[in-house]
């Protein structure tokens, strides 16, 4: 689990516990109705937690594929095309087209 996923889990648990305490009447918050937002917030954090869990698997798979690509490029002796694309400066192309 990544840091953001853990944060969503902590916020989910805190809001869910607070919501149960407020909704059951164990903690009386009738004078401050804003505290009842903890239940919808818990649902929102639950959704974000599920999304983060699903994306964690995809991000791990992507990093593994990228690592394999870099290793294959090093074995074959080809330059790493990804770094070449990131270092390419497009501003020269734009100035040349304006001058013509």
N, C-alpha and C. Protein backbone atom coordinates (compact mmCIF):
# COMPACT_ATOMS: atom_id res chain seq x y z
N UNK A 1 0.83 -1.18 0.00
CA UNK A 1 0.00 0.00 0.00
C UNK A 1 0.88 1.24 0.00
N UNK A 2 0.52 2.18 -0.80
CA UNK A 2 1.24 3.44 -0.86
C UNK A 2 0.73 4.38 0.22
N UNK A 3 1.43 5.50 0.39
CA UNK A 3 1.12 6.46 1.45
C UNK A 3 -0.27 7.06 1.31
N UNK A 4 -0.66 7.42 0.08
CA UNK A 4 -1.98 8.01 -0.10
C UNK A 4 -3.09 7.01 0.19
N UNK A 5 -2.87 5.76 -0.18
CA UNK A 5 -3.85 4.71 0.10
C UNK A 5 -3.99 4.51 1.61
N UNK A 6 -2.88 4.53 2.32
CA UNK A 6 -2.93 4.40 3.78
C UNK A 6 -3.65 5.58 4.41
N UNK A 7 -3.42 6.77 3.87
CA UNK A 7 -4.11 7.95 4.38
C UNK A 7 -5.62 7.83 4.18
N UNK A 8 -6.05 7.35 3.02
CA UNK A 8 -7.48 7.16 2.77
C UNK A 8 -8.07 6.13 3.73
N UNK A 9 -7.31 5.08 4.03
CA UNK A 9 -7.78 4.07 4.97
C UNK A 9 -7.93 4.65 6.37
N UNK A 10 -6.97 5.44 6.80
CA UNK A 10 -7.04 6.05 8.13
C UNK A 10 -8.22 7.01 8.21
N UNK A 11 -8.39 7.85 7.19
CA UNK A 11 -9.52 8.78 7.19
C UNK A 11 -10.86 8.05 7.13
N UNK A 12 -10.91 6.95 6.40
CA UNK A 12 -12.11 6.14 6.34
C UNK A 12 -12.47 5.61 7.72
N UNK A 13 -11.50 5.01 8.40
CA UNK A 13 -11.76 4.42 9.71
C UNK A 13 -12.16 5.49 10.73
N UNK A 14 -11.44 6.61 10.73
CA UNK A 14 -11.77 7.68 11.69
C UNK A 14 -13.17 8.22 11.46
N UNK A 15 -13.53 8.48 10.22
CA UNK A 15 -14.86 9.00 9.94
C UNK A 15 -15.95 7.97 10.19
N UNK A 16 -15.68 6.71 9.90
CA UNK A 16 -16.67 5.66 10.14
C UNK A 16 -16.93 5.49 11.63
N UNK A 17 -15.87 5.49 12.44
CA UNK A 17 -16.05 5.36 13.89
C UNK A 17 -16.80 6.56 14.44
N UNK A 18 -16.41 7.75 14.02
CA UNK A 18 -17.10 8.96 14.48
C UNK A 18 -18.56 8.95 14.05
N UNK A 19 -18.84 8.52 12.82
CA UNK A 19 -20.21 8.47 12.33
C UNK A 19 -21.06 7.52 13.16
N UNK A 20 -20.51 6.35 13.49
CA UNK A 20 -21.26 5.39 14.30
C UNK A 20 -21.54 5.97 15.69
N UNK A 21 -20.54 6.64 16.26
CA UNK A 21 -20.74 7.24 17.58
C UNK A 21 -21.80 8.34 17.53
N UNK A 22 -21.79 9.14 16.49
CA UNK A 22 -22.76 10.23 16.38
C UNK A 22 -24.15 9.73 16.05
N UNK A 23 -24.26 8.78 15.12
CA UNK A 23 -25.57 8.31 14.68
C UNK A 23 -26.27 7.45 15.72
N UNK A 24 -25.52 6.73 16.54
CA UNK A 24 -26.15 5.90 17.57
C UNK A 24 -26.51 6.70 18.81
N UNK A 25 -26.00 7.91 18.92
CA UNK A 25 -26.32 8.74 20.08
C UNK A 25 -25.38 8.54 21.25
N UNK A 26 -24.34 7.73 21.09
CA UNK A 26 -23.37 7.55 22.17
C UNK A 26 -22.70 8.88 22.49
N UNK A 27 -22.39 9.63 21.44
CA UNK A 27 -21.86 10.98 21.60
C UNK A 27 -22.93 11.93 21.08
N UNK A 28 -23.41 12.82 21.95
CA UNK A 28 -24.50 13.72 21.59
C UNK A 28 -23.95 14.94 20.86
N UNK A 29 -24.28 15.07 19.59
CA UNK A 29 -23.83 16.20 18.80
C UNK A 29 -25.02 16.94 18.18
N UNK A 30 -26.17 16.88 18.83
CA UNK A 30 -27.37 17.50 18.28
C UNK A 30 -27.23 19.02 18.17
N UNK A 31 -26.36 19.63 18.98
CA UNK A 31 -26.18 21.07 18.91
C UNK A 31 -25.29 21.49 17.73
N UNK A 32 -24.54 20.56 17.16
CA UNK A 32 -23.67 20.85 16.01
C UNK A 32 -23.99 19.85 14.90
N UNK A 33 -24.97 20.17 14.05
CA UNK A 33 -25.37 19.20 13.02
C UNK A 33 -24.30 18.94 11.96
N UNK A 34 -23.27 19.76 11.88
CA UNK A 34 -22.20 19.55 10.91
C UNK A 34 -21.42 18.27 11.16
N UNK A 35 -21.45 17.78 12.39
CA UNK A 35 -20.74 16.53 12.71
C UNK A 35 -21.37 15.32 12.03
N UNK A 36 -22.61 15.46 11.58
CA UNK A 36 -23.24 14.35 10.89
C UNK A 36 -22.69 14.15 9.48
N UNK A 37 -21.81 15.03 9.04
CA UNK A 37 -21.15 14.87 7.74
C UNK A 37 -20.11 13.75 7.77
N UNK A 38 -19.80 13.24 8.94
CA UNK A 38 -18.79 12.19 9.02
C UNK A 38 -19.22 10.92 8.28
N UNK A 39 -20.52 10.64 8.27
CA UNK A 39 -20.99 9.44 7.59
C UNK A 39 -20.81 9.55 6.07
N UNK A 40 -21.24 10.65 5.42
CA UNK A 40 -20.97 10.76 3.99
C UNK A 40 -19.47 10.84 3.68
N UNK A 41 -18.70 11.49 4.55
CA UNK A 41 -17.25 11.55 4.34
C UNK A 41 -16.63 10.16 4.40
N UNK A 42 -17.14 9.33 5.30
CA UNK A 42 -16.63 7.95 5.39
C UNK A 42 -16.91 7.21 4.08
N UNK A 43 -18.07 7.44 3.50
CA UNK A 43 -18.41 6.79 2.22
C UNK A 43 -17.49 7.30 1.10
N UNK A 44 -17.20 8.60 1.10
CA UNK A 44 -16.30 9.16 0.09
C UNK A 44 -14.90 8.59 0.24
N UNK A 45 -14.39 8.54 1.46
CA UNK A 45 -13.06 7.99 1.68
C UNK A 45 -13.00 6.50 1.36
N UNK A 46 -14.12 5.79 1.57
CA UNK A 46 -14.16 4.38 1.19
C UNK A 46 -14.01 4.22 -0.31
N UNK A 47 -14.72 5.06 -1.08
CA UNK A 47 -14.60 5.02 -2.54
C UNK A 47 -13.19 5.35 -3.00
N UNK A 48 -12.60 6.38 -2.41
CA UNK A 48 -11.23 6.75 -2.77
C UNK A 48 -10.24 5.64 -2.40
N UNK A 49 -10.47 4.99 -1.27
CA UNK A 49 -9.62 3.89 -0.86
C UNK A 49 -9.70 2.74 -1.88
N UNK A 50 -10.91 2.41 -2.32
CA UNK A 50 -11.06 1.33 -3.30
C UNK A 50 -10.39 1.69 -4.62
N UNK A 51 -10.52 2.94 -5.04
CA UNK A 51 -9.87 3.38 -6.28
C UNK A 51 -8.35 3.28 -6.14
N UNK A 52 -7.84 3.72 -4.99
CA UNK A 52 -6.38 3.66 -4.76
C UNK A 52 -5.89 2.22 -4.75
N UNK A 53 -6.65 1.33 -4.14
CA UNK A 53 -6.25 -0.08 -4.12
C UNK A 53 -6.21 -0.66 -5.53
N UNK A 54 -7.19 -0.31 -6.35
CA UNK A 54 -7.22 -0.82 -7.73
C UNK A 54 -6.06 -0.24 -8.53
N UNK A 55 -5.76 1.04 -8.33
CA UNK A 55 -4.68 1.66 -9.09
C UNK A 55 -3.31 1.23 -8.61
N UNK A 56 -3.18 0.87 -7.35
CA UNK A 56 -1.89 0.39 -6.85
C UNK A 56 -1.41 -0.82 -7.63
N UNK A 57 -2.31 -1.73 -7.94
CA UNK A 57 -1.95 -2.91 -8.72
C UNK A 57 -1.52 -2.53 -10.13
N UNK A 58 -2.23 -1.59 -10.73
CA UNK A 58 -1.89 -1.16 -12.08
C UNK A 58 -0.56 -0.41 -12.11
N UNK A 59 -0.31 0.43 -11.11
CA UNK A 59 0.95 1.18 -11.05
C UNK A 59 2.11 0.22 -10.87
N UNK A 60 1.95 -0.78 -10.03
CA UNK A 60 3.00 -1.79 -9.83
C UNK A 60 3.27 -2.54 -11.14
N UNK A 61 2.21 -2.89 -11.84
CA UNK A 61 2.37 -3.59 -13.12
C UNK A 61 3.08 -2.70 -14.13
N UNK A 62 2.73 -1.40 -14.18
CA UNK A 62 3.37 -0.47 -15.09
C UNK A 62 4.86 -0.33 -14.79
N UNK A 63 5.20 -0.20 -13.50
CA UNK A 63 6.61 -0.06 -13.12
C UNK A 63 7.39 -1.32 -13.47
N UNK A 64 6.80 -2.48 -13.29
CA UNK A 64 7.47 -3.73 -13.67
C UNK A 64 7.72 -3.78 -15.17
N UNK A 65 6.73 -3.36 -15.97
CA UNK A 65 6.90 -3.35 -17.42
C UNK A 65 7.98 -2.36 -17.85
N UNK A 66 8.01 -1.19 -17.22
CA UNK A 66 9.03 -0.19 -17.55
C UNK A 66 10.42 -0.69 -17.18
N UNK A 67 10.53 -1.35 -16.03
CA UNK A 67 11.81 -1.90 -15.61
C UNK A 67 12.29 -2.97 -16.60
N UNK A 68 11.37 -3.81 -17.05
CA UNK A 68 11.73 -4.84 -18.03
C UNK A 68 12.15 -4.20 -19.35
N UNK A 69 11.49 -3.12 -19.74
CA UNK A 69 11.83 -2.42 -20.98
C UNK A 69 13.24 -1.83 -20.88
N UNK A 70 13.55 -1.21 -19.76
CA UNK A 70 14.88 -0.63 -19.58
C UNK A 70 15.96 -1.71 -19.58
N UNK A 71 15.68 -2.84 -18.94
CA UNK A 71 16.65 -3.94 -18.91
C UNK A 71 16.86 -4.51 -20.31
N UNK A 72 15.79 -4.66 -21.07
CA UNK A 72 15.90 -5.19 -22.43
C UNK A 72 16.70 -4.23 -23.31
N UNK A 73 16.46 -2.93 -23.16
CA UNK A 73 17.19 -1.95 -23.97
C UNK A 73 18.68 -1.97 -23.61
N UNK A 74 19.00 -2.18 -22.35
CA UNK A 74 20.41 -2.23 -21.94
C UNK A 74 21.09 -3.48 -22.47
N UNK A 75 20.38 -4.60 -22.51
CA UNK A 75 20.95 -5.86 -23.00
C UNK A 75 21.20 -5.77 -24.50
N UNK A 76 20.24 -5.22 -25.24
CA UNK A 76 20.34 -5.14 -26.69
C UNK A 76 21.33 -4.06 -27.09
N UNK A 77 21.52 -3.07 -26.23
CA UNK A 77 22.47 -2.00 -26.53
C UNK A 77 21.83 -0.81 -27.20
N UNK A 78 20.52 -0.76 -27.19
CA UNK A 78 19.82 0.37 -27.78
C UNK A 78 19.73 1.50 -26.76
N UNK A 79 19.75 2.74 -27.24
CA UNK A 79 19.56 3.84 -26.29
C UNK A 79 18.15 3.83 -25.74
N UNK A 80 18.01 4.37 -24.59
CA UNK A 80 16.71 4.40 -23.94
C UNK A 80 15.86 5.50 -24.58
N UNK A 81 14.86 5.12 -25.34
CA UNK A 81 14.04 6.08 -26.08
C UNK A 81 13.22 6.98 -25.18
N UNK A 82 12.83 6.53 -24.02
CA UNK A 82 12.00 7.32 -23.13
C UNK A 82 12.75 8.55 -22.65
N UNK A 83 13.99 8.40 -22.25
CA UNK A 83 14.77 9.54 -21.80
C UNK A 83 15.02 10.50 -22.96
N UNK A 84 15.20 9.98 -24.15
CA UNK A 84 15.41 10.82 -25.32
C UNK A 84 14.18 11.69 -25.57
N UNK A 85 12.99 11.12 -25.44
CA UNK A 85 11.76 11.88 -25.67
C UNK A 85 11.58 12.99 -24.64
N UNK A 86 11.94 12.73 -23.42
CA UNK A 86 11.77 13.73 -22.37
C UNK A 86 12.78 14.86 -22.48
N UNK A 87 13.95 14.59 -23.03
CA UNK A 87 14.96 15.62 -23.12
C UNK A 87 14.84 16.44 -24.40
N UNK A 88 13.97 16.05 -25.32
CA UNK A 88 13.81 16.75 -26.59
C UNK A 88 13.12 18.09 -26.34
N UNK A 89 13.65 19.15 -26.93
CA UNK A 89 13.11 20.49 -26.74
C UNK A 89 12.30 20.86 -27.98
N UNK A 90 11.01 21.14 -27.80
CA UNK A 90 10.13 21.46 -28.92
C UNK A 90 10.10 22.95 -29.24
N UNK A 91 10.72 23.79 -28.44
CA UNK A 91 10.63 25.23 -28.66
C UNK A 91 11.33 25.64 -29.96
N UNK A 92 12.37 24.94 -30.38
CA UNK A 92 13.07 25.27 -31.62
C UNK A 92 12.17 25.03 -32.82
N UNK A 93 11.41 23.96 -32.81
CA UNK A 93 10.51 23.65 -33.90
C UNK A 93 9.46 24.73 -34.06
N UNK A 94 8.98 25.25 -32.94
CA UNK A 94 7.93 26.26 -32.97
C UNK A 94 8.47 27.56 -33.55
N UNK A 95 9.69 27.97 -33.17
CA UNK A 95 10.27 29.19 -33.69
C UNK A 95 10.59 29.07 -35.17
N UNK A 96 11.02 27.91 -35.64
CA UNK A 96 11.33 27.72 -37.04
C UNK A 96 10.07 27.84 -37.89
N UNK A 97 8.95 27.32 -37.41
CA UNK A 97 7.72 27.38 -38.19
C UNK A 97 7.17 28.80 -38.24
N UNK A 98 7.41 29.61 -37.21
CA UNK A 98 6.96 30.99 -37.22
C UNK A 98 7.80 31.85 -38.15
N UNK A 99 9.07 31.55 -38.28
CA UNK A 99 9.97 32.35 -39.10
C UNK A 99 9.71 32.11 -40.59
N UNK A 100 9.17 30.96 -40.94
CA UNK A 100 8.97 30.64 -42.36
C UNK A 100 7.79 31.29 -42.97
